[in-house]
């Protein structure tokens, strides 16, 4: 009897010492938006967080940490525990920015675990409403005839907005003075105020200002005109021969630190499929001219690999470096 009592006591002690692991998630989740508030990444992160909290049943907080074109905030997540509680919303610029800086604190290929694609949106070229620049052809002509005299704002070195400017400049042999900001929000404020006359931005972060008449769109980088701006031509329609096939989209995805447990990854991916296909979320993105679509982790990884094979060679060819 004494032996049986001792065994039962030992088992009880072990049970107390080794409690069952709590099922993920059981505490708040952080989503890092590594740019200033107001831009495409920030807007996307907040839409996702708002629905993800309902799907997972826990608080989902968005944190902004701007700097180094997204690398400062991304590095915070790369160094975080791979437990699913620290996530990152990033764009295809995740691939481009390290090539520009040359000294990224992480290797994007090994530092992050893709979870799901979120949405894709074209870029838009906007000017102040009073600008004499009426068309994209007008803008390119300035860049050709008076190289380096026309300032254009973007959301940071190596961002997809920056890449769009460089792609168009390289194709048309035009040159502009690019003014890099730490996010689209502040860039838009300065363009609206007339401090910088032109901006390349993601359409979903600029559409509100365009609808309010604070900015005037002169071209979009989509394959066809977007329904929300039917009078705004595509870059392909600009009449510039070198840009007759030009299209470009910024896509965003959700990532975690590398080496996440498979069960946590699966739960987050399954949750994101529900989030990104939810009719209300689809509509919110559609209202911002973005197309929401989930993916497998492997599909998102393949999209990044394609960016690595296309944008990075251009960056190296042009010798683009951080300022």
Protein backbone atom coordinates (compact mmCIF):
# COMPACT_ATOMS: atom_id res chain seq x y z
CA UNK A 1 0.00 0.00 0.00
CA UNK A 2 2.84 2.34 0.91
CA UNK A 3 4.54 1.66 -2.43
CA UNK A 4 1.32 2.36 -4.32
CA UNK A 5 0.91 5.60 -2.41
CA UNK A 6 4.45 6.68 -3.26
CA UNK A 7 3.92 5.92 -6.95
CA UNK A 8 0.69 7.91 -7.04
CA UNK A 9 2.40 10.77 -5.25
CA UNK A 10 5.27 10.73 -7.76
CA UNK A 11 2.87 10.78 -10.71
CA UNK A 12 1.00 13.70 -9.18
CA UNK A 13 4.26 15.57 -8.70
CA UNK A 14 5.28 14.98 -12.33
CA UNK A 15 1.89 16.17 -13.53
CA UNK A 16 2.30 19.41 -11.63
CA UNK A 17 5.86 19.88 -12.85
CA UNK A 18 4.97 19.25 -16.49
CA UNK A 19 1.63 20.91 -17.25
CA UNK A 20 0.09 20.28 -20.64
CA UNK A 21 1.16 22.82 -23.23
CA UNK A 22 -1.53 25.40 -23.95
CA UNK A 23 -3.10 25.15 -27.36
CA UNK A 24 -2.01 27.86 -29.79
CA UNK A 25 -3.00 30.64 -29.58
CA UNK A 26 -3.66 31.50 -25.95
CA UNK A 27 -2.31 35.07 -25.79
CA UNK A 28 -2.20 38.20 -27.99
CA UNK A 29 -0.51 38.04 -31.38
CA UNK A 30 1.63 40.87 -32.72
CA UNK A 31 1.71 41.75 -36.42
CA UNK A 32 4.63 43.96 -37.40
CA UNK A 33 3.97 46.57 -40.10
CA UNK A 34 7.54 47.74 -40.73
CA UNK A 35 6.59 51.12 -42.21
CA UNK A 36 4.95 54.28 -40.93
CA UNK A 37 1.15 54.32 -40.51
CA UNK A 38 -1.03 55.10 -43.51
CA UNK A 39 0.65 53.15 -46.28
CA UNK A 40 -0.19 49.90 -48.03
CA UNK A 41 1.55 47.62 -45.53
CA UNK A 42 -0.03 49.33 -42.52
CA UNK A 43 -3.52 49.32 -44.05
CA UNK A 44 -3.18 45.64 -45.01
CA UNK A 45 -1.92 44.63 -41.58
CA UNK A 46 -4.85 46.33 -39.86
CA UNK A 47 -7.48 44.78 -42.11
CA UNK A 48 -5.95 41.33 -41.50
CA UNK A 49 -5.60 41.86 -37.75
CA UNK A 50 -9.21 42.96 -37.42
CA UNK A 51 -10.49 39.69 -38.87
CA UNK A 52 -7.74 37.38 -37.60
CA UNK A 53 -8.70 38.14 -34.00
CA UNK A 54 -12.19 36.81 -34.70
CA UNK A 55 -10.91 33.66 -36.41
CA UNK A 56 -8.32 32.81 -33.75
CA UNK A 57 -10.18 34.18 -30.74
CA UNK A 58 -7.31 36.26 -29.36
CA UNK A 59 -6.27 39.91 -29.53
CA UNK A 60 -4.19 40.74 -32.61
CA UNK A 61 -2.19 43.94 -32.36
CA UNK A 62 -0.46 45.86 -35.16
CA UNK A 63 2.88 47.49 -34.39
CA UNK A 64 4.58 50.02 -36.67
CA UNK A 65 8.37 50.22 -36.66
CA UNK A 66 9.61 52.17 -39.66
CA UNK A 67 13.17 52.50 -40.91
CA UNK A 68 15.64 51.13 -43.45
CA UNK A 69 12.80 50.54 -45.93
CA UNK A 70 11.16 47.97 -43.70
CA UNK A 71 14.25 46.08 -42.53
CA UNK A 72 14.23 47.41 -38.95
CA UNK A 73 10.74 46.10 -38.22
CA UNK A 74 11.32 42.92 -40.19
CA UNK A 75 14.49 42.21 -38.21
CA UNK A 76 12.50 42.39 -34.97
CA UNK A 77 10.34 39.52 -36.22
CA UNK A 78 13.31 37.58 -37.64
CA UNK A 79 14.82 37.60 -34.12
CA UNK A 80 11.55 36.73 -32.36
CA UNK A 81 10.62 33.33 -31.03
CA UNK A 82 9.08 31.21 -33.84
CA UNK A 83 5.99 30.47 -31.76
CA UNK A 84 3.36 32.14 -33.95
CA UNK A 85 2.89 35.15 -31.70
CA UNK A 86 5.18 37.45 -33.70
CA UNK A 87 4.21 37.92 -37.34
CA UNK A 88 5.14 40.23 -40.21
CA UNK A 89 3.23 41.76 -43.10
CA UNK A 90 5.65 42.47 -45.92
CA UNK A 91 5.61 43.05 -49.66
CA UNK A 92 7.78 41.84 -52.52
CA UNK A 93 10.19 44.59 -51.46
CA UNK A 94 11.34 42.07 -48.83
CA UNK A 95 13.51 40.70 -51.65
CA UNK A 96 14.61 44.02 -53.15
CA UNK A 97 15.60 46.03 -50.08
CA UNK A 98 18.45 43.78 -48.86
CA UNK A 99 19.99 43.89 -52.36
CA UNK A 100 19.99 47.69 -52.17
CA UNK A 101 21.38 48.01 -48.66
CA UNK A 102 23.88 45.20 -49.12
CA UNK A 103 24.13 44.64 -45.37
CA UNK A 104 20.73 43.36 -44.31
CA UNK A 105 20.67 42.02 -40.75
CA UNK A 106 19.03 38.83 -42.03
CA UNK A 107 18.84 36.60 -45.09
CA UNK A 108 15.24 36.83 -46.25
CA UNK A 109 15.44 33.33 -47.75
CA UNK A 110 16.18 31.72 -44.38
CA UNK A 111 14.94 34.23 -41.78
CA UNK A 112 11.21 34.05 -42.47
CA UNK A 113 8.49 31.46 -42.86
CA UNK A 114 5.91 32.39 -45.52
CA UNK A 115 2.34 31.80 -44.32
CA UNK A 116 0.00 33.15 -46.99
CA UNK A 117 -0.36 35.73 -49.73
CA UNK A 118 -2.81 38.48 -48.74
CA UNK A 119 -3.51 40.90 -51.57
CA UNK A 120 -2.05 42.43 -54.71
CA UNK A 121 -2.48 45.99 -55.89
CA UNK A 122 -1.09 48.08 -58.76
CA UNK A 123 0.90 51.25 -58.32
CA UNK A 124 -0.44 54.66 -59.26
CA UNK A 125 1.39 57.79 -60.36
CA UNK A 126 -0.17 60.85 -58.74
CA UNK A 127 0.46 64.59 -58.86
CA UNK A 128 -0.85 67.61 -57.01
CA UNK A 129 -4.17 68.70 -58.54
CA UNK A 130 -2.72 71.99 -59.83
CA UNK A 131 0.29 70.32 -61.49
CA UNK A 132 0.89 71.11 -65.17
CA UNK A 133 1.73 67.40 -65.60
CA UNK A 134 -1.43 65.98 -67.14
CA UNK A 135 -0.22 62.60 -68.41
CA UNK A 136 2.53 60.06 -67.84
CA UNK A 137 3.97 61.12 -71.22
CA UNK A 138 4.36 64.65 -69.81
CA UNK A 139 6.27 63.28 -66.83
CA UNK A 140 8.57 61.06 -68.89
CA UNK A 141 9.30 63.98 -71.26
CA UNK A 142 10.57 66.05 -68.32
CA UNK A 143 12.78 63.16 -67.23
CA UNK A 144 14.23 62.93 -70.74
CA UNK A 145 14.56 66.63 -71.59
CA UNK A 146 15.63 67.85 -68.15
CA UNK A 147 17.11 64.78 -66.42
CA UNK A 148 17.23 64.88 -62.65
CA UNK A 149 15.15 68.05 -62.28
CA UNK A 150 11.79 66.43 -61.50
CA UNK A 151 11.35 65.19 -57.91
CA UNK A 152 9.25 62.07 -57.33
CA UNK A 153 8.29 60.79 -53.88
CA UNK A 154 8.18 57.13 -52.88
CA UNK A 155 7.83 55.18 -49.63
CA UNK A 156 11.50 54.26 -49.20
CA UNK A 157 14.60 52.93 -50.89
CA UNK A 158 13.93 49.51 -52.38
CA UNK A 159 10.19 49.55 -51.85
CA UNK A 160 8.01 48.45 -54.75
CA UNK A 161 7.12 52.10 -55.35
CA UNK A 162 10.81 52.84 -55.83
CA UNK A 163 11.21 49.84 -58.11
CA UNK A 164 8.34 51.09 -60.33
CA UNK A 165 10.11 54.44 -60.78
CA UNK A 166 13.39 52.74 -61.63
CA UNK A 167 11.76 50.30 -64.05
CA UNK A 168 10.04 53.10 -65.96
CA UNK A 169 13.14 55.30 -65.90
CA UNK A 170 15.35 52.49 -67.17
CA UNK A 171 12.93 51.60 -69.96
CA UNK A 172 12.46 55.19 -71.17
CA UNK A 173 16.00 56.48 -70.54
CA UNK A 174 14.60 59.22 -68.32
CA UNK A 175 15.99 60.39 -64.99
CA UNK A 176 14.26 61.78 -61.91
CA UNK A 177 15.28 62.94 -58.45
CA UNK A 178 13.70 60.39 -56.13
CA UNK A 179 12.70 61.58 -52.67
CA UNK A 180 12.58 58.61 -50.31
CA UNK A 181 10.24 58.62 -47.31
CA UNK A 182 9.77 56.13 -44.49
CA UNK A 183 6.29 55.22 -45.72
CA UNK A 184 3.57 56.28 -48.11
CA UNK A 185 1.63 58.26 -45.52
CA UNK A 186 4.17 61.04 -45.00
CA UNK A 187 5.02 61.10 -48.69
CA UNK A 188 1.35 61.70 -49.54
CA UNK A 189 1.10 64.49 -46.98
CA UNK A 190 4.02 66.33 -48.59
CA UNK A 191 2.68 65.80 -52.12
CA UNK A 192 -0.74 67.09 -51.09
CA UNK A 193 0.98 70.10 -49.54
CA UNK A 194 2.89 70.72 -52.77
CA UNK A 195 6.34 70.13 -51.29
CA UNK A 196 6.96 67.29 -53.75
CA UNK A 197 4.91 67.44 -56.99
CA UNK A 198 4.77 63.72 -57.95
CA UNK A 199 4.45 60.42 -56.10
CA UNK A 200 4.39 56.73 -56.95
CA UNK A 201 2.27 54.87 -54.43
CA UNK A 202 0.23 51.70 -54.09
CA UNK A 203 -3.26 52.45 -55.30
CA UNK A 204 -4.92 51.13 -52.14
CA UNK A 205 -3.14 53.67 -49.94
CA UNK A 206 -3.61 56.57 -52.38
CA UNK A 207 -7.22 55.97 -53.45
CA UNK A 208 -8.77 57.92 -50.56
CA UNK A 209 -6.76 61.05 -51.41
CA UNK A 210 -7.58 60.62 -55.11
CA UNK A 211 -11.30 60.31 -54.42
CA UNK A 212 -11.15 63.38 -52.16
CA UNK A 213 -9.51 65.41 -54.93
CA UNK A 214 -6.33 65.94 -52.92
CA UNK A 215 -4.25 64.04 -55.48
CA UNK A 216 -4.73 63.53 -59.22
CA UNK A 217 -3.90 60.14 -60.74
CA UNK A 218 -2.24 60.15 -64.17
CA UNK A 219 -1.59 56.41 -64.66
CA UNK A 220 -1.92 52.99 -63.02
CA UNK A 221 0.44 50.03 -63.50
CA UNK A 222 -2.29 47.40 -63.81
CA UNK A 223 -3.01 45.26 -66.85
CA UNK A 224 -6.32 47.05 -67.41
CA UNK A 225 -7.97 50.16 -66.03
CA UNK A 226 -9.26 49.72 -62.50
CA UNK A 227 -13.04 50.00 -62.04
CA UNK A 228 -12.67 52.54 -59.24
CA UNK A 229 -10.77 54.97 -61.54
CA UNK A 230 -12.19 54.31 -65.01
CA UNK A 231 -10.86 57.58 -66.43
CA UNK A 232 -7.26 56.93 -65.39
CA UNK A 233 -5.24 55.21 -68.14
CA UNK A 234 -2.81 52.38 -67.58
CA UNK A 235 0.90 52.86 -68.16
CA UNK A 236 0.46 50.64 -71.22
CA UNK A 237 -1.98 53.21 -72.63
CA UNK A 238 0.41 56.13 -72.12
CA UNK A 239 1.53 56.17 -75.75
CA UNK A 240 5.16 55.64 -74.72
CA UNK A 241 6.53 52.81 -76.91
CA UNK A 242 8.99 51.59 -74.28
CA UNK A 243 6.13 51.14 -71.79
CA UNK A 244 3.58 49.47 -74.08
CA UNK A 245 3.80 46.20 -72.11
CA UNK A 246 4.55 47.66 -68.67
CA UNK A 247 2.68 46.25 -65.66
CA UNK A 248 3.67 45.85 -62.03
CA UNK A 249 1.86 44.88 -58.84
CA UNK A 250 2.81 45.07 -55.21
CA UNK A 251 1.73 41.96 -53.36
CA UNK A 252 1.69 41.49 -49.63
CA UNK A 253 2.00 38.37 -47.53
CA UNK A 254 2.00 37.23 -43.93
CA UNK A 255 5.23 35.79 -42.54
CA UNK A 256 6.59 34.45 -39.29
CA UNK A 257 10.11 33.74 -38.08
CA UNK A 258 11.78 30.68 -39.58
CA UNK A 259 11.44 27.30 -37.88
CA UNK A 260 7.86 27.72 -36.75
CA UNK A 261 6.33 24.44 -35.51
CA UNK A 262 4.35 22.76 -38.31
CA UNK A 263 1.14 22.70 -36.27
CA UNK A 264 1.39 26.44 -35.55
CA UNK A 265 2.12 27.19 -39.21
CA UNK A 266 -0.88 25.12 -40.29
CA UNK A 267 -3.19 26.83 -37.83
CA UNK A 268 -2.06 30.28 -38.95
CA UNK A 269 -2.33 29.34 -42.63
CA UNK A 270 -5.80 27.87 -42.20
CA UNK A 271 -6.84 31.00 -40.32
CA UNK A 272 -5.49 33.24 -43.08
CA UNK A 273 -7.44 31.33 -45.73
CA UNK A 274 -10.59 32.15 -43.75
CA UNK A 275 -9.51 35.78 -43.33
CA UNK A 276 -8.56 36.45 -46.94
CA UNK A 277 -11.64 34.73 -48.40
CA UNK A 278 -14.08 36.34 -45.99
CA UNK A 279 -16.53 38.39 -48.10
CA UNK A 280 -16.21 41.44 -45.85
CA UNK A 281 -12.41 41.37 -46.08
CA UNK A 282 -12.51 40.83 -49.85
CA UNK A 283 -14.79 43.85 -50.14
CA UNK A 284 -12.59 46.02 -47.92
CA UNK A 285 -9.61 45.28 -50.13
CA UNK A 286 -11.67 45.66 -53.30
CA UNK A 287 -12.80 49.09 -52.11
CA UNK A 288 -9.09 49.92 -51.92
CA UNK A 289 -8.52 48.52 -55.44
CA UNK A 290 -6.66 45.47 -54.11
CA UNK A 291 -7.40 41.84 -54.99
CA UNK A 292 -7.38 39.55 -51.97
CA UNK A 293 -6.26 35.97 -52.52
CA UNK A 294 -4.73 33.41 -50.13
CA UNK A 295 -1.91 31.05 -51.07
CA UNK A 296 0.01 28.14 -49.67
CA UNK A 297 3.31 28.93 -47.96
CA UNK A 298 5.07 27.29 -50.90
CA UNK A 299 3.26 29.48 -53.45
CA UNK A 300 4.22 32.64 -51.58
CA UNK A 301 7.84 31.47 -51.43
CA UNK A 302 7.80 30.91 -55.21
CA UNK A 303 6.51 34.46 -55.75
CA UNK A 304 9.45 35.82 -53.77
CA UNK A 305 11.86 33.71 -55.80
CA UNK A 306 10.43 35.21 -59.02
CA UNK A 307 10.96 38.73 -57.64
CA UNK A 308 14.53 37.75 -56.84
CA UNK A 309 15.07 36.75 -60.47
CA UNK A 310 13.56 39.93 -61.97
CA UNK A 311 13.90 42.99 -59.71
CA UNK A 312 17.24 42.18 -58.10
CA UNK A 313 19.13 42.03 -61.44
CA UNK A 314 17.76 45.52 -62.23
CA UNK A 315 18.91 46.80 -58.86
CA UNK A 316 22.40 45.48 -59.51
CA UNK A 317 22.42 46.76 -63.09
CA UNK A 318 21.53 50.29 -61.99
CA UNK A 319 23.76 50.15 -58.94
CA UNK A 320 20.91 51.26 -56.66
CA UNK A 321 22.22 51.79 -53.14
CA UNK A 322 20.74 53.09 -49.93
CA UNK A 323 21.29 56.78 -49.34
